[in-house]
Amino acid sequence: MRVLVLGGSSEASALARALAGRGGVEALLSLAGATKSPAPSPIPRRIGGFGGAAGLAGFLREGRYGRLVDATHPFAARISANAAQAAREAGVDHAIFTRGEWLPGPGDHWREVDAIEAALAALGPARKRVLLAVGGAGLDALARDDRHDWIVRSIDRPVASPPGARWIEGRPPFALDDEIALFRALRVETVLCKNSGGAATRAKLDAARALGIPVVMLRRPALPEGVRVFHALDEVLAHLGLHAASP
């Protein structure tokens, strides 16, 4: 069985570890190249795009892949759309492996919006110190916005960021105590982030709750229709006809 895994998430890394060394399974991890120094992979990997849905369909056919697992970031909407179209064109079994969404709980002060422009409106007119965790595309949209004091945290230094923004290098997972200390040291007044889900970056939301800091949250884009979606590793492995991951 030849499996192509579209990666760039902790789910993709977990799936790669689970597929590594499996008899009768040849798996390839594909990364878009958004991160300059990706973590090592236990299975062979490639880095770079395919040239849209048509290019991916050709890659699947030429590589004789029978399974495609889209384990990209929940906000990689264009890649997911291309994957769905390519799988249909190539006649390849296709599944999505993604983390569940974050949900607000007691003590949370969230405002959920659909686009970065709505997020800016939700911040209001008063100048604030805002922790930004929206990824590269979101930063591009804010490249000329100087209405707030922006604090940008990312794995790689962003190419574009708001004027005067302070950049902080950070690779998840983050611990709650560290997040609380960081928010206090930087005097963070609002958090602007994506609803990425998962445990690795959840601590910023827990820190915001503990400190009474409001959060402006970008909702996720819709997933392609008609594609099976899994949130647990064992479910994906079962879909592939494999047993649960070995210890």
Foldseek 3Di string as FASTA:
>chain_A
DEEEEEDDDVLSQVLQLLQQPDPPYAYEYEYQCQDPDDDDTSHHYDYHDQPFLVSVLVVCQVVVHQEYEYAYFLQPARVLVSPVSSCVVNVHAYAYAAADFDDDDPLAAEDEDADLVVLVVVVPQAEFEEEEAADQVSQVVQQDPDSYAYEYEEQDDHPGHYPNHHYDYDDWQDDLVVLLVVCVVSVHQEYEYERRHDRTDCSNRVSCSVVVHHYYYHYGDDGDPPHHYHHDSQVVCVVVVHHPGDD
